[in-house]
């Protein structure tokens, strides 16, 4: 299975989840500060078909405050009726677009992380295929932008998954389920409770900074 097939698999699973949500769940807070579940779903929909020209115009409108842009645009799109959001999320399956420096593997990473942004607060677990999780974990370690400063977070820390055959880096070890490692790398402190090891304090401090 290639990265696009994995992305389709996760988008399909996310769409199944969306179809099952109650009105109350749609308006629950996600792991993204200030974002409801509906806003995360809208963000994933938008991210599946990014048009660089439109994105640049929107970025100019927000003075290149990308976090503000992402949140407000997600909230605007997330205000749609939930049945419409469900249909649009389902329609992302089979959309294979990765503009600019974005790679198909990045879409696997993004879909899993945002799916967990919804699943974790709602208490709806999902066991991920090992090959998908390993690609997401490996791709996460390459993220070094101002928006995903993962390289800085995991410097001099060895990450070791306990449920899939994956490890990365050197230094004080942090171990735990692959999904918890992924979410911690993505800056979600709630996942830290599932991890252990001498490097955990360092990782926790960096996520909080």
C-alpha atoms as a PDB file:
ATOM      1  CA  UNK A   1       0.000   0.000   0.000  1.00  0.00           C
ATOM      2  CA  UNK A   2       1.467   3.368  -1.010  1.00  0.00           C
ATOM      3  CA  UNK A   3       1.099   6.644   0.886  1.00  0.00           C
ATOM      4  CA  UNK A   4      -1.931   7.792  -1.089  1.00  0.00           C
ATOM      5  CA  UNK A   5      -3.723   4.511  -0.443  1.00  0.00           C
ATOM      6  CA  UNK A   6      -2.938   4.929   3.257  1.00  0.00           C
ATOM      7  CA  UNK A   7      -4.283   8.486   3.166  1.00  0.00           C
ATOM      8  CA  UNK A   8      -7.475   7.254   1.533  1.00  0.00           C
ATOM      9  CA  UNK A   9      -7.801   4.554   4.180  1.00  0.00           C
ATOM     10  CA  UNK A  10      -7.499   7.090   6.999  1.00  0.00           C
ATOM     11  CA  UNK A  11      -9.808   9.615   5.362  1.00  0.00           C
ATOM     12  CA  UNK A  12     -12.374   6.858   4.941  1.00  0.00           C
ATOM     13  CA  UNK A  13     -12.015   5.923   8.616  1.00  0.00           C
ATOM     14  CA  UNK A  14     -12.349   9.587   9.584  1.00  0.00           C
ATOM     15  CA  UNK A  15     -15.475   9.892   7.427  1.00  0.00           C
ATOM     16  CA  UNK A  16     -16.942   6.803   9.123  1.00  0.00           C
ATOM     17  CA  UNK A  17     -16.260   8.463  12.472  1.00  0.00           C
ATOM     18  CA  UNK A  18     -17.897  11.723  11.362  1.00  0.00           C
ATOM     19  CA  UNK A  19     -20.976   9.839  10.194  1.00  0.00           C
ATOM     20  CA  UNK A  20     -21.352   8.343  13.668  1.00  0.00           C
ATOM     21  CA  UNK A  21     -21.108  11.580  15.678  1.00  0.00           C
ATOM     22  CA  UNK A  22     -24.033  13.014  17.614  1.00  0.00           C
ATOM     23  CA  UNK A  23     -24.905  16.739  17.523  1.00  0.00           C
ATOM     24  CA  UNK A  24     -23.342  17.145  20.965  1.00  0.00           C
ATOM     25  CA  UNK A  25     -20.099  15.476  19.857  1.00  0.00           C
ATOM     26  CA  UNK A  26     -19.756  17.750  16.827  1.00  0.00           C
ATOM     27  CA  UNK A  27     -19.563  20.728  19.167  1.00  0.00           C
ATOM     28  CA  UNK A  28     -17.172  19.190  21.692  1.00  0.00           C
ATOM     29  CA  UNK A  29     -13.698  20.768  22.067  1.00  0.00           C
ATOM     30  CA  UNK A  30     -10.953  18.990  20.133  1.00  0.00           C
ATOM     31  CA  UNK A  31      -7.307  18.707  21.169  1.00  0.00           C
ATOM     32  CA  UNK A  32      -6.626  21.872  19.154  1.00  0.00           C
ATOM     33  CA  UNK A  33      -7.028  24.803  21.513  1.00  0.00           C
ATOM     34  CA  UNK A  34     -10.148  26.784  20.598  1.00  0.00           C
ATOM     35  CA  UNK A  35     -11.240  24.336  17.901  1.00  0.00           C
ATOM     36  CA  UNK A  36     -14.420  22.275  18.056  1.00  0.00           C
ATOM     37  CA  UNK A  37     -14.649  18.834  16.475  1.00  0.00           C
ATOM     38  CA  UNK A  38     -16.504  20.369  13.509  1.00  0.00           C
ATOM     39  CA  UNK A  39     -13.639  22.824  12.956  1.00  0.00           C
ATOM     40  CA  UNK A  40     -11.049  20.036  12.773  1.00  0.00           C
ATOM     41  CA  UNK A  41     -13.176  18.156  10.246  1.00  0.00           C
ATOM     42  CA  UNK A  42     -13.505  21.309   8.137  1.00  0.00           C
ATOM     43  CA  UNK A  43      -9.729  21.854   8.305  1.00  0.00           C
ATOM     44  CA  UNK A  44      -9.049  18.315   7.062  1.00  0.00           C
ATOM     45  CA  UNK A  45     -11.489  18.823   4.203  1.00  0.00           C
ATOM     46  CA  UNK A  46      -9.786  22.061   3.189  1.00  0.00           C
ATOM     47  CA  UNK A  47      -6.318  20.531   3.488  1.00  0.00           C
ATOM     48  CA  UNK A  48      -7.148  17.759   1.062  1.00  0.00           C
ATOM     49  CA  UNK A  49      -7.462  20.180  -1.855  1.00  0.00           C
ATOM     50  CA  UNK A  50      -5.118  23.057  -1.095  1.00  0.00           C
ATOM     51  CA  UNK A  51      -4.815  25.632  -3.865  1.00  0.00           C
ATOM     52  CA  UNK A  52      -1.585  27.538  -3.349  1.00  0.00           C
ATOM     53  CA  UNK A  53      -2.803  30.748  -4.983  1.00  0.00           C
ATOM     54  CA  UNK A  54      -5.906  30.894  -2.817  1.00  0.00           C
ATOM     55  CA  UNK A  55      -3.907  30.039   0.287  1.00  0.00           C
ATOM     56  CA  UNK A  56      -1.416  32.843  -0.362  1.00  0.00           C
ATOM     57  CA  UNK A  57      -4.219  35.373  -0.826  1.00  0.00           C
ATOM     58  CA  UNK A  58      -5.805  34.239   2.423  1.00  0.00           C
ATOM     59  CA  UNK A  59      -2.443  34.412   4.197  1.00  0.00           C
ATOM     60  CA  UNK A  60      -2.022  38.012   3.047  1.00  0.00           C
ATOM     61  CA  UNK A  61      -5.478  38.802   4.427  1.00  0.00           C
ATOM     62  CA  UNK A  62      -4.369  37.539   7.851  1.00  0.00           C
ATOM     63  CA  UNK A  63      -0.978  39.232   7.714  1.00  0.00           C
ATOM     64  CA  UNK A  64       0.702  35.809   7.409  1.00  0.00           C
ATOM     65  CA  UNK A  65      -0.442  34.869  10.922  1.00  0.00           C
ATOM     66  CA  UNK A  66      -0.862  31.280   9.845  1.00  0.00           C
ATOM     67  CA  UNK A  67      -2.170  29.868  13.114  1.00  0.00           C
ATOM     68  CA  UNK A  68      -4.823  32.581  13.268  1.00  0.00           C
ATOM     69  CA  UNK A  69      -5.669  31.981   9.616  1.00  0.00           C
ATOM     70  CA  UNK A  70      -6.032  28.231  10.068  1.00  0.00           C
ATOM     71  CA  UNK A  71      -8.244  28.575  13.121  1.00  0.00           C
ATOM     72  CA  UNK A  72     -10.565  31.246  11.760  1.00  0.00           C
ATOM     73  CA  UNK A  73     -10.932  29.625   8.355  1.00  0.00           C
ATOM     74  CA  UNK A  74     -11.638  26.266  10.007  1.00  0.00           C
ATOM     75  CA  UNK A  75     -14.246  27.844  12.268  1.00  0.00           C
ATOM     76  CA  UNK A  76     -15.875  29.545   9.293  1.00  0.00           C
ATOM     77  CA  UNK A  77     -16.052  26.320   7.276  1.00  0.00           C
ATOM     78  CA  UNK A  78     -16.950  24.295  10.368  1.00  0.00           C
ATOM     79  CA  UNK A  79     -20.166  26.266  10.797  1.00  0.00           C
ATOM     80  CA  UNK A  80     -21.710  24.332   7.893  1.00  0.00           C
ATOM     81  CA  UNK A  81     -24.425  21.746   8.618  1.00  0.00           C
ATOM     82  CA  UNK A  82     -22.885  18.505   9.818  1.00  0.00           C
ATOM     83  CA  UNK A  83     -24.377  16.425   7.021  1.00  0.00           C
ATOM     84  CA  UNK A  84     -22.603  18.691   4.541  1.00  0.00           C
ATOM     85  CA  UNK A  85     -19.320  18.308   6.429  1.00  0.00           C
ATOM     86  CA  UNK A  86     -19.763  14.538   6.377  1.00  0.00           C
ATOM     87  CA  UNK A  87     -20.316  14.528   2.622  1.00  0.00           C
ATOM     88  CA  UNK A  88     -17.322  16.775   1.980  1.00  0.00           C
ATOM     89  CA  UNK A  89     -15.048  14.679   4.189  1.00  0.00           C
ATOM     90  CA  UNK A  90     -16.129  11.506   2.401  1.00  0.00           C
ATOM     91  CA  UNK A  91     -15.398  13.210  -0.920  1.00  0.00           C
ATOM     92  CA  UNK A  92     -11.731  13.693   0.051  1.00  0.00           C
ATOM     93  CA  UNK A  93     -11.170   9.956  -0.387  1.00  0.00           C
ATOM     94  CA  UNK A  94      -9.387   9.632  -3.718  1.00  0.00           C
ATOM     95  CA  UNK A  95      -8.209  13.257  -3.822  1.00  0.00           C
ATOM     96  CA  UNK A  96      -4.460  12.933  -4.347  1.00  0.00           C
ATOM     97  CA  UNK A  97      -3.041  16.447  -4.204  1.00  0.00           C
ATOM     98  CA  UNK A  98       0.156  17.461  -2.442  1.00  0.00           C
ATOM     99  CA  UNK A  99       1.172  20.960  -3.579  1.00  0.00           C
ATOM    100  CA  UNK A 100       4.607  22.513  -3.188  1.00  0.00           C
ATOM    101  CA  UNK A 101       6.896  20.781  -0.690  1.00  0.00           C
ATOM    102  CA  UNK A 102       4.078  18.639   0.726  1.00  0.00           C
ATOM    103  CA  UNK A 103       4.538  14.900   0.166  1.00  0.00           C
ATOM    104  CA  UNK A 104       1.896  12.153   0.156  1.00  0.00           C
ATOM    105  CA  UNK A 105       3.437  10.870   3.401  1.00  0.00           C
ATOM    106  CA  UNK A 106       2.634  14.240   4.987  1.00  0.00           C
ATOM    107  CA  UNK A 107      -1.031  13.644   4.265  1.00  0.00           C
ATOM    108  CA  UNK A 108      -0.893  10.310   6.117  1.00  0.00           C
ATOM    109  CA  UNK A 109       0.647  12.140   9.071  1.00  0.00           C
ATOM    110  CA  UNK A 110      -1.834  15.012   9.023  1.00  0.00           C
ATOM    111  CA  UNK A 111      -4.888  12.808   8.703  1.00  0.00           C
ATOM    112  CA  UNK A 112      -3.920  10.562  11.615  1.00  0.00           C
ATOM    113  CA  UNK A 113      -3.024  13.483  13.886  1.00  0.00           C
ATOM    114  CA  UNK A 114      -6.246  15.374  13.195  1.00  0.00           C
ATOM    115  CA  UNK A 115      -8.299  12.208  13.478  1.00  0.00           C
ATOM    116  CA  UNK A 116      -6.835  11.773  16.951  1.00  0.00           C
ATOM    117  CA  UNK A 117      -7.532  15.441  17.715  1.00  0.00           C
ATOM    118  CA  UNK A 118     -11.162  14.365  17.448  1.00  0.00           C
ATOM    119  CA  UNK A 119     -11.045  10.786  18.713  1.00  0.00           C
ATOM    120  CA  UNK A 120      -9.162  11.374  21.940  1.00  0.00           C
ATOM    121  CA  UNK A 121     -11.497  13.986  23.474  1.00  0.00           C
ATOM    122  CA  UNK A 122     -14.500  11.865  22.487  1.00  0.00           C
ATOM    123  CA  UNK A 123     -12.987   8.678  23.915  1.00  0.00           C
ATOM    124  CA  UNK A 124     -13.242   6.828  20.587  1.00  0.00           C
ATOM    125  CA  UNK A 125     -10.045   4.831  20.107  1.00  0.00           C
ATOM    126  CA  UNK A 126      -8.680   3.496  16.822  1.00  0.00           C
ATOM    127  CA  UNK A 127      -5.937   0.921  16.268  1.00  0.00           C
ATOM    128  CA  UNK A 128      -3.833   1.999  13.293  1.00  0.00           C
ATOM    129  CA  UNK A 129      -2.183  -0.357  10.814  1.00  0.00           C
ATOM    130  CA  UNK A 130       1.531  -0.658  11.634  1.00  0.00           C
ATOM    131  CA  UNK A 131       2.708   0.425   8.189  1.00  0.00           C
ATOM    132  CA  UNK A 132       0.613   3.610   8.319  1.00  0.00           C
ATOM    133  CA  UNK A 133       1.789   4.457  11.814  1.00  0.00           C
ATOM    134  CA  UNK A 134       5.451   3.942  10.923  1.00  0.00           C
ATOM    135  CA  UNK A 135       5.185   6.248   7.901  1.00  0.00           C
ATOM    136  CA  UNK A 136       3.456   8.910  10.003  1.00  0.00           C
ATOM    137  CA  UNK A 137       6.073   8.610  12.765  1.00  0.00           C
ATOM    138  CA  UNK A 138       8.989   8.791  10.360  1.00  0.00           C
ATOM    139  CA  UNK A 139       7.543  11.739   8.470  1.00  0.00           C
ATOM    140  CA  UNK A 140       6.887  13.568  11.730  1.00  0.00           C
ATOM    141  CA  UNK A 141      10.580  13.451  12.649  1.00  0.00           C
ATOM    142  CA  UNK A 142      11.364  15.497   9.512  1.00  0.00           C
ATOM    143  CA  UNK A 143       9.091  18.417  10.445  1.00  0.00           C
ATOM    144  CA  UNK A 144      11.099  21.473  11.439  1.00  0.00           C
ATOM    145  CA  UNK A 145       8.941  24.474  10.578  1.00  0.00           C
ATOM    146  CA  UNK A 146       7.723  27.202  12.918  1.00  0.00           C
ATOM    147  CA  UNK A 147       4.304  25.513  12.887  1.00  0.00           C
ATOM    148  CA  UNK A 148       5.557  21.983  13.540  1.00  0.00           C
ATOM    149  CA  UNK A 149       8.928  22.346  15.313  1.00  0.00           C
ATOM    150  CA  UNK A 150       9.255  18.605  15.857  1.00  0.00           C
ATOM    151  CA  UNK A 151      12.971  18.394  15.094  1.00  0.00           C
ATOM    152  CA  UNK A 152      13.621  20.827  17.934  1.00  0.00           C
ATOM    153  CA  UNK A 153      11.299  18.953  20.312  1.00  0.00           C
ATOM    154  CA  UNK A 154      12.974  15.597  19.812  1.00  0.00           C
ATOM    155  CA  UNK A 155      16.629  16.684  19.578  1.00  0.00           C
ATOM    156  CA  UNK A 156      18.845  14.432  21.736  1.00  0.00           C
ATOM    157  CA  UNK A 157      15.878  12.206  22.585  1.00  0.00           C
ATOM    158  CA  UNK A 158      15.509   8.592  21.493  1.00  0.00           C
ATOM    159  CA  UNK A 159      11.928   7.642  20.629  1.00  0.00           C
ATOM    160  CA  UNK A 160      10.946   3.979  20.737  1.00  0.00           C
ATOM    161  CA  UNK A 161       7.520   2.592  19.911  1.00  0.00           C
ATOM    162  CA  UNK A 162       6.361  -0.363  21.971  1.00  0.00           C
ATOM    163  CA  UNK A 163       3.642  -1.585  19.625  1.00  0.00           C
ATOM    164  CA  UNK A 164       5.288  -1.208  16.200  1.00  0.00           C
ATOM    165  CA  UNK A 165       8.843  -1.788  15.011  1.00  0.00           C
ATOM    166  CA  UNK A 166      10.042   1.806  15.024  1.00  0.00           C
ATOM    167  CA  UNK A 167      12.594   3.944  16.808  1.00  0.00           C
ATOM    168  CA  UNK A 168      14.327   7.206  16.082  1.00  0.00           C
ATOM    169  CA  UNK A 169      17.201   9.298  17.374  1.00  0.00           C
ATOM    170  CA  UNK A 170      19.787   9.015  20.097  1.00  0.00           C
ATOM    171  CA  UNK A 171      19.848  10.185  23.695  1.00  0.00           C
ATOM    172  CA  UNK A 172      17.524   9.762  26.658  1.00  0.00           C
ATOM    173  CA  UNK A 173      14.785   7.331  25.713  1.00  0.00           C
ATOM    174  CA  UNK A 174      11.045   7.962  25.579  1.00  0.00           C
ATOM    175  CA  UNK A 175       8.935   4.910  24.846  1.00  0.00           C
ATOM    176  CA  UNK A 176       5.283   4.092  24.442  1.00  0.00           C
ATOM    177  CA  UNK A 177       2.615   3.351  21.836  1.00  0.00           C
ATOM    178  CA  UNK A 178       3.375   4.741  18.396  1.00  0.00           C
ATOM    179  CA  UNK A 179       0.220   6.829  18.314  1.00  0.00           C
ATOM    180  CA  UNK A 180       1.083   8.474  21.641  1.00  0.00           C
ATOM    181  CA  UNK A 181       4.611   9.230  20.411  1.00  0.00           C
ATOM    182  CA  UNK A 182       3.153  10.766  17.263  1.00  0.00           C
ATOM    183  CA  UNK A 183       0.726  12.972  19.147  1.00  0.00           C
ATOM    184  CA  UNK A 184       3.409  14.086  21.585  1.00  0.00           C
ATOM    185  CA  UNK A 185       5.692  15.026  18.694  1.00  0.00           C
ATOM    186  CA  UNK A 186       2.789  16.993  17.225  1.00  0.00           C
ATOM    187  CA  UNK A 187       2.591  18.999  20.452  1.00  0.00           C
ATOM    188  CA  UNK A 188      -0.407  17.353  22.118  1.00  0.00           C
ATOM    189  CA  UNK A 189       0.543  17.102  25.819  1.00  0.00           C
ATOM    190  CA  UNK A 190      -2.359  14.768  26.627  1.00  0.00           C
ATOM    191  CA  UNK A 191      -0.365  11.923  25.030  1.00  0.00           C
ATOM    192  CA  UNK A 192       2.539  12.299  27.459  1.00  0.00           C
ATOM    193  CA  UNK A 193       0.689  10.299  30.134  1.00  0.00           C
ATOM    194  CA  UNK A 194       1.049   7.202  27.938  1.00  0.00           C
ATOM    195  CA  UNK A 195       4.823   7.562  27.587  1.00  0.00           C
ATOM    196  CA  UNK A 196       7.714   6.759  29.888  1.00  0.00           C
ATOM    197  CA  UNK A 197      11.484   6.907  30.095  1.00  0.00           C
ATOM    198  CA  UNK A 198      14.316   9.189  31.215  1.00  0.00           C
ATOM    199  CA  UNK A 199      13.769  11.568  28.296  1.00  0.00           C
ATOM    200  CA  UNK A 200      10.123  12.236  29.111  1.00  0.00           C
ATOM    201  CA  UNK A 201      10.772  15.328  31.244  1.00  0.00           C
ATOM    202  CA  UNK A 202      12.770  16.895  28.408  1.00  0.00           C
ATOM    203  CA  UNK A 203      10.043  16.180  25.870  1.00  0.00           C
ATOM    204  CA  UNK A 204       7.364  17.502  28.214  1.00  0.00           C
ATOM    205  CA  UNK A 205       9.260  20.765  28.791  1.00  0.00           C
ATOM    206  CA  UNK A 206       9.699  21.289  25.048  1.00  0.00           C
ATOM    207  CA  UNK A 207       6.046  20.672  24.278  1.00  0.00           C
ATOM    208  CA  UNK A 208       5.066  23.159  26.939  1.00  0.00           C
ATOM    209  CA  UNK A 209       7.475  25.827  25.677  1.00  0.00           C
END
